[in-house]
Amino acid sequence: MRATASLERLVLVTSTATLLLVSAGLQVVEQGLQRMVDPHWQRGLSYTKIDLLAVQYALGRG
């Protein structure tokens, strides 16, 4: 029973993180900032990867 509760929490945290990353990546694309983080616009990156690149870009710029 204890392992089931831990697994449920893990799935909840993973699902929430995925939702946040996808929605933030979608926002980057809608604002037209995708080229800033991915100059190869035909690569077809996922929204999650676009958001991770945007965060890296922002951290690199200070």
N, C-alpha and C. Protein backbone atom coordinates (compact mmCIF):
# COMPACT_ATOMS: atom_id res chain seq x y z
N MET A 1 0.83 -1.19 0.00
CA MET A 1 0.00 0.00 0.00
C MET A 1 0.87 1.26 0.00
N ARG A 2 1.98 1.23 0.74
CA ARG A 2 2.85 2.39 0.82
C ARG A 2 3.51 2.69 -0.53
N ALA A 3 3.87 1.66 -1.27
CA ALA A 3 4.50 1.85 -2.58
C ALA A 3 3.51 2.46 -3.56
N THR A 4 2.26 2.12 -3.43
CA THR A 4 1.24 2.67 -4.32
C THR A 4 1.09 4.17 -4.10
N ALA A 5 1.10 4.60 -2.87
CA ALA A 5 0.99 6.04 -2.58
C ALA A 5 2.20 6.79 -3.09
N SER A 6 3.37 6.22 -2.95
CA SER A 6 4.59 6.85 -3.46
C SER A 6 4.56 6.95 -4.98
N LEU A 7 4.10 5.91 -5.63
CA LEU A 7 4.00 5.91 -7.08
C LEU A 7 2.99 6.96 -7.55
N GLU A 8 1.88 7.08 -6.86
CA GLU A 8 0.89 8.09 -7.22
C GLU A 8 1.47 9.50 -7.11
N ARG A 9 2.23 9.76 -6.06
CA ARG A 9 2.85 11.08 -5.89
C ARG A 9 3.87 11.34 -6.98
N LEU A 10 4.65 10.33 -7.34
CA LEU A 10 5.63 10.47 -8.40
C LEU A 10 4.96 10.80 -9.73
N VAL A 11 3.89 10.12 -10.05
CA VAL A 11 3.16 10.39 -11.29
C VAL A 11 2.56 11.80 -11.26
N LEU A 12 2.05 12.22 -10.12
CA LEU A 12 1.50 13.56 -10.00
C LEU A 12 2.56 14.63 -10.23
N VAL A 13 3.72 14.47 -9.62
CA VAL A 13 4.79 15.45 -9.78
C VAL A 13 5.29 15.47 -11.23
N THR A 14 5.46 14.31 -11.82
CA THR A 14 5.91 14.24 -13.20
C THR A 14 4.90 14.85 -14.15
N SER A 15 3.63 14.59 -13.93
CA SER A 15 2.58 15.14 -14.78
C SER A 15 2.51 16.66 -14.66
N THR A 16 2.63 17.16 -13.45
CA THR A 16 2.59 18.60 -13.23
C THR A 16 3.78 19.29 -13.88
N ALA A 17 4.96 18.72 -13.74
CA ALA A 17 6.15 19.30 -14.36
C ALA A 17 6.03 19.31 -15.88
N THR A 18 5.53 18.23 -16.44
CA THR A 18 5.35 18.16 -17.89
C THR A 18 4.35 19.21 -18.37
N LEU A 19 3.26 19.36 -17.65
CA LEU A 19 2.26 20.36 -18.01
C LEU A 19 2.84 21.76 -17.98
N LEU A 20 3.60 22.07 -16.95
CA LEU A 20 4.21 23.41 -16.85
C LEU A 20 5.22 23.66 -17.96
N LEU A 21 6.05 22.68 -18.26
CA LEU A 21 7.05 22.85 -19.32
C LEU A 21 6.41 23.00 -20.69
N VAL A 22 5.39 22.22 -20.97
CA VAL A 22 4.72 22.31 -22.27
C VAL A 22 4.00 23.65 -22.41
N SER A 23 3.33 24.11 -21.37
CA SER A 23 2.61 25.38 -21.47
C SER A 23 3.59 26.55 -21.60
N ALA A 24 4.73 26.49 -20.92
CA ALA A 24 5.73 27.55 -21.05
C ALA A 24 6.37 27.53 -22.43
N GLY A 25 6.62 26.34 -22.98
CA GLY A 25 7.15 26.24 -24.34
C GLY A 25 6.17 26.76 -25.36
N LEU A 26 4.91 26.49 -25.17
CA LEU A 26 3.88 27.01 -26.06
C LEU A 26 3.84 28.53 -26.01
N GLN A 27 4.02 29.09 -24.83
CA GLN A 27 4.04 30.54 -24.68
C GLN A 27 5.24 31.15 -25.42
N VAL A 28 6.38 30.51 -25.38
CA VAL A 28 7.57 30.99 -26.11
C VAL A 28 7.28 31.02 -27.60
N VAL A 29 6.65 29.97 -28.11
CA VAL A 29 6.32 29.91 -29.54
C VAL A 29 5.30 30.97 -29.90
N GLU A 30 4.27 31.16 -29.08
CA GLU A 30 3.23 32.14 -29.38
C GLU A 30 3.76 33.56 -29.36
N GLN A 31 4.78 33.82 -28.55
CA GLN A 31 5.38 35.15 -28.50
C GLN A 31 6.38 35.38 -29.63
N GLY A 32 6.62 34.36 -30.42
CA GLY A 32 7.55 34.49 -31.53
C GLY A 32 9.01 34.46 -31.12
N LEU A 33 9.31 33.89 -29.99
CA LEU A 33 10.68 33.85 -29.49
C LEU A 33 11.37 32.52 -29.75
N GLN A 34 10.74 31.67 -30.54
CA GLN A 34 11.31 30.36 -30.80
C GLN A 34 12.65 30.46 -31.52
N ARG A 35 12.78 31.39 -32.44
CA ARG A 35 14.04 31.54 -33.17
C ARG A 35 15.18 31.99 -32.27
N MET A 36 14.85 32.67 -31.20
CA MET A 36 15.86 33.11 -30.26
C MET A 36 16.54 31.91 -29.59
N VAL A 37 15.77 30.91 -29.27
CA VAL A 37 16.32 29.75 -28.58
C VAL A 37 16.63 28.58 -29.51
N ASP A 38 16.05 28.58 -30.69
CA ASP A 38 16.27 27.49 -31.65
C ASP A 38 16.39 28.08 -33.05
N PRO A 39 17.61 28.41 -33.49
CA PRO A 39 17.76 29.02 -34.81
C PRO A 39 17.40 28.07 -35.96
N HIS A 40 17.37 26.79 -35.70
CA HIS A 40 16.99 25.82 -36.72
C HIS A 40 15.50 25.53 -36.59
N TRP A 41 14.68 26.44 -37.08
CA TRP A 41 13.24 26.40 -36.82
C TRP A 41 12.54 25.22 -37.47
N GLN A 42 13.17 24.55 -38.39
CA GLN A 42 12.53 23.40 -39.03
C GLN A 42 12.87 22.09 -38.33
N ARG A 43 13.56 22.16 -37.22
CA ARG A 43 13.96 20.96 -36.51
C ARG A 43 12.80 20.23 -35.86
N GLY A 44 11.77 20.96 -35.52
CA GLY A 44 10.60 20.33 -34.93
C GLY A 44 10.79 19.92 -33.48
N LEU A 45 11.35 20.81 -32.67
CA LEU A 45 11.53 20.51 -31.26
C LEU A 45 10.18 20.50 -30.54
N SER A 46 10.10 19.73 -29.48
CA SER A 46 8.89 19.71 -28.67
C SER A 46 8.81 21.00 -27.86
N TYR A 47 7.62 21.31 -27.38
CA TYR A 47 7.44 22.51 -26.56
C TYR A 47 8.26 22.41 -25.28
N THR A 48 8.41 21.21 -24.77
CA THR A 48 9.21 21.02 -23.57
C THR A 48 10.67 21.38 -23.82
N LYS A 49 11.21 20.90 -24.92
CA LYS A 49 12.61 21.19 -25.26
C LYS A 49 12.79 22.68 -25.55
N ILE A 50 11.82 23.30 -26.21
CA ILE A 50 11.89 24.73 -26.49
C ILE A 50 11.94 25.50 -25.18
N ASP A 51 11.13 25.11 -24.21
CA ASP A 51 11.13 25.81 -22.93
C ASP A 51 12.45 25.60 -22.20
N LEU A 52 12.99 24.41 -22.22
CA LEU A 52 14.26 24.18 -21.56
C LEU A 52 15.37 25.02 -22.20
N LEU A 53 15.36 25.15 -23.52
CA LEU A 53 16.33 26.00 -24.20
C LEU A 53 16.12 27.47 -23.85
N ALA A 54 14.86 27.88 -23.71
CA ALA A 54 14.57 29.27 -23.32
C ALA A 54 15.08 29.56 -21.92
N VAL A 55 14.95 28.62 -21.01
CA VAL A 55 15.45 28.81 -19.65
C VAL A 55 16.98 28.88 -19.68
N GLN A 56 17.62 28.02 -20.44
CA GLN A 56 19.08 28.06 -20.55
C GLN A 56 19.53 29.39 -21.14
N TYR A 57 18.82 29.87 -22.16
CA TYR A 57 19.15 31.14 -22.79
C TYR A 57 19.02 32.28 -21.78
N ALA A 58 17.94 32.28 -21.01
CA ALA A 58 17.72 33.33 -20.02
C ALA A 58 18.78 33.29 -18.92
N LEU A 59 19.14 32.11 -18.47
CA LEU A 59 20.16 31.99 -17.43
C LEU A 59 21.53 32.43 -17.96
N GLY A 60 21.80 32.16 -19.22
CA GLY A 60 23.06 32.57 -19.83
C GLY A 60 23.17 34.07 -20.02
N ARG A 61 22.03 34.72 -20.22
CA ARG A 61 21.99 36.17 -20.40
C ARG A 61 21.93 36.93 -19.09
N GLY A 62 21.64 36.23 -18.02
CA GLY A 62 21.58 36.88 -16.70
C GLY A 62 20.27 37.48 -16.48
